[in-house]
Amino acid sequence: MFRSILMLGVFALVGVFAFKVILGTAVGLLFFLIAFAIKALIVGLVLYFIVSIFSPDTMRRWKERWSRP
């Protein structure tokens, strides 16, 4: 009886530890992907403004190409 209660407690602790490791990794990966997406958005925005300032004709062609269905 005592042995089965002890094993149940050990399995519960192992499960909690595994859940913490898996959840911690998932949250870390989520924050990494969000940070990467924000950086990519900033770089794209900077490139968009540079092209629109220095080459308006190219920007017009890009807008025509992307706005078609």
N, C-alpha and C. Protein backbone atom coordinates (compact mmCIF):
# COMPACT_ATOMS: atom_id res chain seq x y z
N MET A 1 0.83 -1.19 0.00
CA MET A 1 0.00 0.00 0.00
C MET A 1 0.88 1.26 0.00
N PHE A 2 1.84 1.28 0.92
CA PHE A 2 2.73 2.44 1.01
C PHE A 2 3.55 2.57 -0.27
N ARG A 3 3.98 1.43 -0.81
CA ARG A 3 4.79 1.45 -2.02
C ARG A 3 3.98 2.00 -3.21
N SER A 4 2.74 1.63 -3.35
CA SER A 4 1.93 2.13 -4.46
C SER A 4 1.65 3.63 -4.31
N ILE A 5 1.45 4.10 -3.08
CA ILE A 5 1.26 5.54 -2.85
C ILE A 5 2.54 6.29 -3.19
N LEU A 6 3.68 5.73 -2.79
CA LEU A 6 4.97 6.35 -3.08
C LEU A 6 5.22 6.41 -4.58
N MET A 7 4.93 5.35 -5.30
CA MET A 7 5.13 5.33 -6.75
C MET A 7 4.19 6.31 -7.45
N LEU A 8 2.97 6.44 -6.95
CA LEU A 8 2.04 7.41 -7.51
C LEU A 8 2.59 8.83 -7.34
N GLY A 9 3.14 9.11 -6.18
CA GLY A 9 3.75 10.42 -5.93
C GLY A 9 4.95 10.68 -6.83
N VAL A 10 5.78 9.65 -7.01
CA VAL A 10 6.95 9.79 -7.89
C VAL A 10 6.50 10.06 -9.32
N PHE A 11 5.53 9.31 -9.81
CA PHE A 11 5.04 9.53 -11.17
C PHE A 11 4.40 10.91 -11.31
N ALA A 12 3.73 11.38 -10.29
CA ALA A 12 3.13 12.71 -10.34
C ALA A 12 4.22 13.78 -10.42
N LEU A 13 5.28 13.62 -9.64
CA LEU A 13 6.39 14.58 -9.69
C LEU A 13 7.10 14.56 -11.04
N VAL A 14 7.31 13.37 -11.58
CA VAL A 14 7.93 13.26 -12.90
C VAL A 14 7.03 13.91 -13.95
N GLY A 15 5.74 13.70 -13.85
CA GLY A 15 4.81 14.31 -14.80
C GLY A 15 4.80 15.82 -14.70
N VAL A 16 4.82 16.35 -13.50
CA VAL A 16 4.86 17.81 -13.31
C VAL A 16 6.16 18.37 -13.87
N PHE A 17 7.27 17.69 -13.61
CA PHE A 17 8.56 18.15 -14.14
C PHE A 17 8.56 18.12 -15.67
N ALA A 18 8.07 17.04 -16.26
CA ALA A 18 8.02 16.94 -17.72
C ALA A 18 7.10 18.01 -18.31
N PHE A 19 5.99 18.26 -17.67
CA PHE A 19 5.07 19.30 -18.14
C PHE A 19 5.74 20.67 -18.09
N LYS A 20 6.48 20.92 -17.02
CA LYS A 20 7.17 22.20 -16.87
C LYS A 20 8.24 22.37 -17.95
N VAL A 21 8.99 21.31 -18.24
CA VAL A 21 10.02 21.38 -19.27
C VAL A 21 9.40 21.60 -20.65
N ILE A 22 8.36 20.85 -20.97
CA ILE A 22 7.72 20.98 -22.28
C ILE A 22 7.06 22.34 -22.44
N LEU A 23 6.35 22.79 -21.42
CA LEU A 23 5.67 24.08 -21.49
C LEU A 23 6.68 25.22 -21.55
N GLY A 24 7.77 25.11 -20.78
CA GLY A 24 8.81 26.14 -20.81
C GLY A 24 9.45 26.25 -22.18
N THR A 25 9.69 25.12 -22.82
CA THR A 25 10.27 25.13 -24.15
C THR A 25 9.29 25.73 -25.16
N ALA A 26 8.03 25.39 -25.05
CA ALA A 26 7.03 25.90 -25.99
C ALA A 26 6.87 27.42 -25.84
N VAL A 27 6.86 27.90 -24.61
CA VAL A 27 6.72 29.34 -24.39
C VAL A 27 7.95 30.07 -24.91
N GLY A 28 9.13 29.51 -24.66
CA GLY A 28 10.36 30.11 -25.17
C GLY A 28 10.38 30.16 -26.69
N LEU A 29 9.95 29.09 -27.32
CA LEU A 29 9.89 29.06 -28.78
C LEU A 29 8.88 30.07 -29.31
N LEU A 30 7.75 30.19 -28.64
CA LEU A 30 6.74 31.16 -29.05
C LEU A 30 7.28 32.59 -28.99
N PHE A 31 7.95 32.94 -27.89
CA PHE A 31 8.52 34.28 -27.78
C PHE A 31 9.62 34.51 -28.81
N PHE A 32 10.42 33.48 -29.11
CA PHE A 32 11.45 33.60 -30.14
C PHE A 32 10.81 33.89 -31.50
N LEU A 33 9.75 33.16 -31.84
CA LEU A 33 9.09 33.36 -33.12
C LEU A 33 8.42 34.73 -33.21
N ILE A 34 7.84 35.19 -32.11
CA ILE A 34 7.23 36.52 -32.11
C ILE A 34 8.29 37.59 -32.31
N ALA A 35 9.43 37.46 -31.62
CA ALA A 35 10.52 38.43 -31.76
C ALA A 35 11.05 38.42 -33.19
N PHE A 36 11.19 37.23 -33.78
CA PHE A 36 11.67 37.14 -35.16
C PHE A 36 10.69 37.79 -36.12
N ALA A 37 9.40 37.59 -35.91
CA ALA A 37 8.38 38.18 -36.78
C ALA A 37 8.40 39.71 -36.69
N ILE A 38 8.60 40.23 -35.49
CA ILE A 38 8.65 41.69 -35.32
C ILE A 38 9.88 42.26 -36.01
N LYS A 39 11.02 41.59 -35.88
CA LYS A 39 12.24 42.05 -36.55
C LYS A 39 12.08 42.01 -38.07
N ALA A 40 11.49 40.94 -38.59
CA ALA A 40 11.27 40.83 -40.03
C ALA A 40 10.31 41.92 -40.51
N LEU A 41 9.30 42.23 -39.72
CA LEU A 41 8.36 43.30 -40.06
C LEU A 41 9.07 44.65 -40.12
N ILE A 42 9.94 44.92 -39.17
CA ILE A 42 10.67 46.19 -39.15
C ILE A 42 11.59 46.29 -40.36
N VAL A 43 12.31 45.22 -40.68
CA VAL A 43 13.19 45.24 -41.85
C VAL A 43 12.38 45.44 -43.12
N GLY A 44 11.26 44.76 -43.26
CA GLY A 44 10.41 44.93 -44.43
C GLY A 44 9.87 46.35 -44.55
N LEU A 45 9.50 46.93 -43.43
CA LEU A 45 9.00 48.30 -43.43
C LEU A 45 10.07 49.29 -43.86
N VAL A 46 11.28 49.10 -43.36
CA VAL A 46 12.40 49.97 -43.75
C VAL A 46 12.68 49.83 -45.24
N LEU A 47 12.73 48.60 -45.74
CA LEU A 47 12.96 48.40 -47.18
C LEU A 47 11.83 49.01 -48.02
N TYR A 48 10.61 48.89 -47.55
CA TYR A 48 9.47 49.47 -48.26
C TYR A 48 9.62 50.98 -48.39
N PHE A 49 9.97 51.63 -47.28
CA PHE A 49 10.12 53.09 -47.33
C PHE A 49 11.33 53.51 -48.16
N ILE A 50 12.42 52.75 -48.11
CA ILE A 50 13.59 53.09 -48.92
C ILE A 50 13.26 52.99 -50.40
N VAL A 51 12.61 51.91 -50.80
CA VAL A 51 12.25 51.74 -52.22
C VAL A 51 11.23 52.78 -52.64
N SER A 52 10.27 53.09 -51.77
CA SER A 52 9.25 54.07 -52.15
C SER A 52 9.84 55.47 -52.28
N ILE A 53 10.89 55.78 -51.54
CA ILE A 53 11.50 57.11 -51.63
C ILE A 53 12.44 57.20 -52.83
N PHE A 54 13.30 56.20 -53.02
CA PHE A 54 14.32 56.29 -54.04
C PHE A 54 13.89 55.76 -55.41
N SER A 55 12.85 54.96 -55.47
CA SER A 55 12.40 54.41 -56.74
C SER A 55 10.88 54.30 -56.76
N PRO A 56 10.19 55.43 -56.94
CA PRO A 56 8.73 55.39 -56.92
C PRO A 56 8.12 54.57 -58.07
N ASP A 57 8.81 54.52 -59.22
CA ASP A 57 8.28 53.74 -60.34
C ASP A 57 8.28 52.25 -60.01
N THR A 58 9.35 51.78 -59.40
CA THR A 58 9.40 50.38 -58.99
C THR A 58 8.32 50.09 -57.96
N MET A 59 8.13 51.00 -57.04
CA MET A 59 7.09 50.81 -56.02
C MET A 59 5.71 50.75 -56.66
N ARG A 60 5.47 51.56 -57.66
CA ARG A 60 4.19 51.55 -58.35
C ARG A 60 3.96 50.20 -59.05
N ARG A 61 5.02 49.67 -59.70
CA ARG A 61 4.89 48.37 -60.35
C ARG A 61 4.64 47.26 -59.33
N TRP A 62 5.32 47.33 -58.20
CA TRP A 62 5.12 46.33 -57.14
C TRP A 62 3.68 46.38 -56.62
N LYS A 63 3.17 47.58 -56.41
CA LYS A 63 1.79 47.72 -55.92
C LYS A 63 0.80 47.16 -56.93
N GLU A 64 1.04 47.43 -58.23
CA GLU A 64 0.15 46.88 -59.26
C GLU A 64 0.20 45.36 -59.27
N ARG A 65 1.37 44.80 -59.12
CA ARG A 65 1.52 43.35 -59.15
C ARG A 65 0.87 42.71 -57.93
N TRP A 66 1.02 43.29 -56.76
CA TRP A 66 0.49 42.69 -55.53
C TRP A 66 -0.99 42.96 -55.31
N SER A 67 -1.52 44.01 -55.93
CA SER A 67 -2.92 44.36 -55.67
C SER A 67 -3.89 43.60 -56.58
N ARG A 68 -3.41 42.94 -57.61
CA ARG A 68 -4.30 42.17 -58.47
C ARG A 68 -4.77 40.91 -57.77
N PRO A 69 -6.03 40.50 -58.02
CA PRO A 69 -6.52 39.27 -57.38
C PRO A 69 -5.99 38.00 -58.01
